[in-house]
Structure formats: C-alpha cells, structure tokens
Amino acid sequence: MSLMKEFKAFAMRGNVIDLAVAVIIGGAFGKIVSSFVADIVMPLIGLLVGGVNFTDLKWVIKPAEMVDGVEKVAATLNYGNFIQVTFDFLIIAFAIFMAIKGMSSFKKKEEAAPAAPEALAPPSNEEVLLGEIRDLLKK
C-alpha cells in the first residue's frame, strides 16, 4: 500500500475526524471563556477588591531607562496576567467537568432504562397440537 493510501485511510478514520472537530470547537470555546473571564469575571472581582485591573498587576524588577537616547523596556513579572490565565483555566476545567458529568449521567440513564419486553412468539405447531390434546382429555 502506498504512503498516500495509508495516510488517506488514517485521516478518514472516524476517531481522527472526531478529534479534529473537538480541537476546533475547543479552541472556540476557549476564546469564549477567555472573554468571559477577562471582560466579565475579572472586572467584577477587581471592583470588589478596590477597582484593581488584574492584567495591570506586575512587579517591576528593573525600571525602564534611557540609554543613548533609546528607551530600554522595564523588566517586570506580570503576575496579574498569570491570575487572569489561572481563572481562565479553572472556568474551562469546571465547564468541561460539568459537560462530562452531564454526558455520563445521561449515559447511565440510557443504560438503566429497561429494554422493551419482547413480544411473545406465536406457539409452534407442536404446542398447538399438545394444547388441543389437553383440551380433548379434559372433556
């Protein structure tokens, strides 16, 4: 089998297609959650703690300086951005947890539902004949 045929067989398997769709949807979901955290959650938390914008929080290790007419950028540790990204992660992880929990409970309900009782098969010719003999013997 040629390399192209093998690759085509691999790429067209259901698992690979499902994974590709999941990655695309996950990326879009991540953007939604990042926006939710950055634009809604963090401003509310910042307001509660005194109007702090978390993305602006940083520790200046070395301040900016002018050297020969060129400004050197300050060296900073941006811990506020780290707090923001941590909130993003926690919310995404919680949303995924809830989605998986919902799917597994749905699957449990589906498995727990009893199967519809099978219709009784019509009696065979032998059973019908035995039933007639029994009825005749009773008379």
C-alpha atoms as a PDB file:
ATOM      1  CA  MET A   1       0.000   0.000   0.000  1.00  0.00           C
ATOM      2  CA  SER A   2       1.431   3.366  -0.917  1.00  0.00           C
ATOM      3  CA  LEU A   3       2.155   6.034   1.665  1.00  0.00           C
ATOM      4  CA  MET A   4      -0.639   8.279   0.359  1.00  0.00           C
ATOM      5  CA  LYS A   5      -3.225   5.477   0.587  1.00  0.00           C
ATOM      6  CA  GLU A   6      -2.134   4.706   4.154  1.00  0.00           C
ATOM      7  CA  PHE A   7      -2.372   8.372   5.103  1.00  0.00           C
ATOM      8  CA  LYS A   8      -5.822   8.668   3.494  1.00  0.00           C
ATOM      9  CA  ALA A   9      -7.022   5.584   5.396  1.00  0.00           C
ATOM     10  CA  PHE A  10      -5.654   7.052   8.633  1.00  0.00           C
ATOM     11  CA  ALA A  11      -7.142  10.512   8.085  1.00  0.00           C
ATOM     12  CA  MET A  12     -10.563   9.198   7.164  1.00  0.00           C
ATOM     13  CA  ARG A  13     -10.977   7.046  10.260  1.00  0.00           C
ATOM     14  CA  GLY A  14     -13.740   8.317  12.496  1.00  0.00           C
ATOM     15  CA  ASN A  15     -11.541   8.973  15.505  1.00  0.00           C
ATOM     16  CA  VAL A  16      -9.264  11.383  13.660  1.00  0.00           C
ATOM     17  CA  ILE A  17     -12.184  13.376  12.270  1.00  0.00           C
ATOM     18  CA  ASP A  18     -13.831  13.487  15.709  1.00  0.00           C
ATOM     19  CA  LEU A  19     -10.581  14.682  17.262  1.00  0.00           C
ATOM     20  CA  ALA A  20     -10.181  17.435  14.651  1.00  0.00           C
ATOM     21  CA  VAL A  21     -13.727  18.669  15.291  1.00  0.00           C
ATOM     22  CA  ALA A  22     -13.127  18.576  19.059  1.00  0.00           C
ATOM     23  CA  VAL A  23      -9.939  20.637  18.741  1.00  0.00           C
ATOM     24  CA  ILE A  24     -11.679  23.291  16.633  1.00  0.00           C
ATOM     25  CA  ILE A  25     -14.676  23.515  18.964  1.00  0.00           C
ATOM     26  CA  GLY A  26     -12.373  23.501  22.000  1.00  0.00           C
ATOM     27  CA  GLY A  27     -10.400  26.428  20.584  1.00  0.00           C
ATOM     28  CA  ALA A  28     -13.564  28.425  20.003  1.00  0.00           C
ATOM     29  CA  PHE A  29     -14.851  27.521  23.470  1.00  0.00           C
ATOM     30  CA  GLY A  30     -11.530  28.648  24.975  1.00  0.00           C
ATOM     31  CA  LYS A  31     -11.908  32.065  23.334  1.00  0.00           C
ATOM     32  CA  ILE A  32     -15.422  32.427  24.721  1.00  0.00           C
ATOM     33  CA  VAL A  33     -14.280  31.524  28.225  1.00  0.00           C
ATOM     34  CA  SER A  34     -11.246  33.831  27.993  1.00  0.00           C
ATOM     35  CA  SER A  35     -13.507  36.704  27.011  1.00  0.00           C
ATOM     36  CA  PHE A  36     -15.946  35.832  29.813  1.00  0.00           C
ATOM     37  CA  VAL A  37     -13.134  35.866  32.369  1.00  0.00           C
ATOM     38  CA  ALA A  38     -11.349  38.964  31.030  1.00  0.00           C
ATOM     39  CA  ASP A  39     -14.449  41.056  30.300  1.00  0.00           C
ATOM     40  CA  ILE A  40     -16.923  39.981  32.994  1.00  0.00           C
ATOM     41  CA  VAL A  41     -15.428  37.995  35.896  1.00  0.00           C
ATOM     42  CA  MET A  42     -12.144  39.827  36.468  1.00  0.00           C
ATOM     43  CA  PRO A  43     -13.613  43.366  36.337  1.00  0.00           C
ATOM     44  CA  LEU A  44     -16.193  42.311  38.940  1.00  0.00           C
ATOM     45  CA  ILE A  45     -13.501  40.796  41.167  1.00  0.00           C
ATOM     46  CA  GLY A  46     -11.347  43.884  40.625  1.00  0.00           C
ATOM     47  CA  LEU A  47     -14.262  46.076  41.658  1.00  0.00           C
ATOM     48  CA  LEU A  48     -14.783  44.012  44.811  1.00  0.00           C
ATOM     49  CA  VAL A  49     -11.115  44.390  45.816  1.00  0.00           C
ATOM     50  CA  GLY A  50     -10.952  48.123  45.170  1.00  0.00           C
ATOM     51  CA  GLY A  51     -11.011  48.731  41.433  1.00  0.00           C
ATOM     52  CA  VAL A  52      -7.907  46.718  40.580  1.00  0.00           C
ATOM     53  CA  ASN A  53      -7.347  45.655  36.962  1.00  0.00           C
ATOM     54  CA  PHE A  54      -5.594  42.312  37.333  1.00  0.00           C
ATOM     55  CA  THR A  55      -3.859  42.393  33.958  1.00  0.00           C
ATOM     56  CA  ASP A  56      -2.043  45.565  35.044  1.00  0.00           C
ATOM     57  CA  LEU A  57      -0.596  43.964  38.195  1.00  0.00           C
ATOM     58  CA  LYS A  58       3.136  43.472  37.901  1.00  0.00           C
ATOM     59  CA  TRP A  59       6.321  43.603  39.878  1.00  0.00           C
ATOM     60  CA  VAL A  60       8.968  45.821  38.334  1.00  0.00           C
ATOM     61  CA  ILE A  61      12.331  44.109  38.666  1.00  0.00           C
ATOM     62  CA  LYS A  62      14.271  46.757  36.765  1.00  0.00           C
ATOM     63  CA  PRO A  63      12.643  50.053  35.740  1.00  0.00           C
ATOM     64  CA  ALA A  64      12.733  51.385  32.206  1.00  0.00           C
ATOM     65  CA  GLU A  65      15.745  53.581  31.449  1.00  0.00           C
ATOM     66  CA  MET A  66      17.136  55.773  28.699  1.00  0.00           C
ATOM     67  CA  VAL A  67      20.465  54.660  27.226  1.00  0.00           C
ATOM     68  CA  ASP A  68      21.949  56.811  24.457  1.00  0.00           C
ATOM     69  CA  GLY A  69      18.536  58.244  23.567  1.00  0.00           C
ATOM     70  CA  VAL A  70      16.956  54.789  23.328  1.00  0.00           C
ATOM     71  CA  GLU A  71      14.468  53.704  25.978  1.00  0.00           C
ATOM     72  CA  LYS A  72      15.104  50.237  27.391  1.00  0.00           C
ATOM     73  CA  VAL A  73      11.939  48.438  28.408  1.00  0.00           C
ATOM     74  CA  ALA A  74      11.386  47.667  32.082  1.00  0.00           C
ATOM     75  CA  ALA A  75      11.877  44.099  33.300  1.00  0.00           C
ATOM     76  CA  THR A  76       8.634  43.018  35.013  1.00  0.00           C
ATOM     77  CA  LEU A  77       6.929  39.946  36.412  1.00  0.00           C
ATOM     78  CA  ASN A  78       3.328  40.134  35.197  1.00  0.00           C
ATOM     79  CA  TYR A  79       1.612  38.173  37.952  1.00  0.00           C
ATOM     80  CA  GLY A  80      -1.750  39.821  37.207  1.00  0.00           C
ATOM     81  CA  ASN A  81      -1.830  38.184  33.785  1.00  0.00           C
ATOM     82  CA  PHE A  82      -0.989  34.875  35.474  1.00  0.00           C
ATOM     83  CA  ILE A  83      -4.005  35.323  37.784  1.00  0.00           C
ATOM     84  CA  GLN A  84      -6.183  36.021  34.719  1.00  0.00           C
ATOM     85  CA  VAL A  85      -4.983  32.903  32.881  1.00  0.00           C
ATOM     86  CA  THR A  86      -5.468  30.806  36.030  1.00  0.00           C
ATOM     87  CA  PHE A  87      -9.100  31.924  36.225  1.00  0.00           C
ATOM     88  CA  ASP A  88      -9.486  31.049  32.526  1.00  0.00           C
ATOM     89  CA  PHE A  89      -8.167  27.554  33.194  1.00  0.00           C
ATOM     90  CA  LEU A  90     -10.349  26.984  36.256  1.00  0.00           C
ATOM     91  CA  ILE A  91     -13.519  28.035  34.449  1.00  0.00           C
ATOM     92  CA  ILE A  92     -12.703  25.939  31.363  1.00  0.00           C
ATOM     93  CA  ALA A  93     -11.849  22.918  33.541  1.00  0.00           C
ATOM     94  CA  PHE A  94     -15.099  23.327  35.502  1.00  0.00           C
ATOM     95  CA  ALA A  95     -17.165  23.645  32.310  1.00  0.00           C
ATOM     96  CA  ILE A  96     -15.567  20.509  30.851  1.00  0.00           C
ATOM     97  CA  PHE A  97     -16.129  18.669  34.148  1.00  0.00           C
ATOM     98  CA  MET A  98     -19.817  19.618  34.125  1.00  0.00           C
ATOM     99  CA  ALA A  99     -20.208  18.604  30.469  1.00  0.00           C
ATOM    100  CA  ILE A 100     -18.624  15.197  31.082  1.00  0.00           C
ATOM    101  CA  LYS A 101     -20.668  14.718  34.247  1.00  0.00           C
ATOM    102  CA  GLY A 102     -23.859  15.550  32.316  1.00  0.00           C
ATOM    103  CA  MET A 103     -22.986  13.164  29.492  1.00  0.00           C
ATOM    104  CA  SER A 104     -22.128  10.324  31.874  1.00  0.00           C
ATOM    105  CA  SER A 105     -25.374  10.775  33.837  1.00  0.00           C
ATOM    106  CA  PHE A 106     -27.299  10.762  30.551  1.00  0.00           C
ATOM    107  CA  LYS A 107     -25.495   7.575  29.542  1.00  0.00           C
ATOM    108  CA  LYS A 108     -26.307   5.959  32.923  1.00  0.00           C
ATOM    109  CA  LYS A 109     -29.997   6.811  32.484  1.00  0.00           C
ATOM    110  CA  GLU A 110     -29.897   5.355  28.999  1.00  0.00           C
ATOM    111  CA  GLU A 111     -28.310   2.121  30.266  1.00  0.00           C
ATOM    112  CA  ALA A 112     -30.668   1.922  33.247  1.00  0.00           C
ATOM    113  CA  ALA A 113     -33.802   2.200  31.098  1.00  0.00           C
ATOM    114  CA  PRO A 114     -35.189  -1.306  30.775  1.00  0.00           C
ATOM    115  CA  ALA A 115     -35.422  -2.743  27.324  1.00  0.00           C
ATOM    116  CA  ALA A 116     -38.904  -3.103  25.912  1.00  0.00           C
ATOM    117  CA  PRO A 117     -40.240  -6.576  26.596  1.00  0.00           C
ATOM    118  CA  GLU A 118     -40.039  -8.785  23.583  1.00  0.00           C
ATOM    119  CA  ALA A 119     -43.330  -9.834  22.022  1.00  0.00           C
ATOM    120  CA  LEU A 120     -44.123 -13.438  22.720  1.00  0.00           C
ATOM    121  CA  ALA A 121     -43.549 -15.659  19.748  1.00  0.00           C
ATOM    122  CA  PRO A 122     -46.629 -17.464  18.470  1.00  0.00           C
ATOM    123  CA  PRO A 123     -46.816 -21.064  19.700  1.00  0.00           C
ATOM    124  CA  SER A 124     -45.280 -23.708  17.491  1.00  0.00           C
ATOM    125  CA  ASN A 125     -47.393 -26.363  15.728  1.00  0.00           C
ATOM    126  CA  GLU A 126     -46.401 -28.929  18.372  1.00  0.00           C
ATOM    127  CA  GLU A 127     -47.548 -26.654  21.199  1.00  0.00           C
ATOM    128  CA  VAL A 128     -50.876 -26.014  19.450  1.00  0.00           C
ATOM    129  CA  LEU A 129     -51.359 -29.764  18.926  1.00  0.00           C
ATOM    130  CA  LEU A 130     -50.489 -30.527  22.583  1.00  0.00           C
ATOM    131  CA  GLY A 131     -52.943 -27.838  23.700  1.00  0.00           C
ATOM    132  CA  GLU A 132     -55.708 -29.432  21.615  1.00  0.00           C
ATOM    133  CA  ILE A 133     -54.930 -32.886  23.044  1.00  0.00           C
ATOM    134  CA  ARG A 134     -55.041 -31.471  26.571  1.00  0.00           C
ATOM    135  CA  ASP A 135     -58.406 -29.829  25.883  1.00  0.00           C
ATOM    136  CA  LEU A 136     -59.798 -33.112  24.478  1.00  0.00           C
ATOM    137  CA  LEU A 137     -58.590 -35.056  27.508  1.00  0.00           C
ATOM    138  CA  LYS A 138     -60.300 -32.579  29.837  1.00  0.00           C
ATOM    139  CA  LYS A 139     -63.658 -33.216  28.101  1.00  0.00           C
END
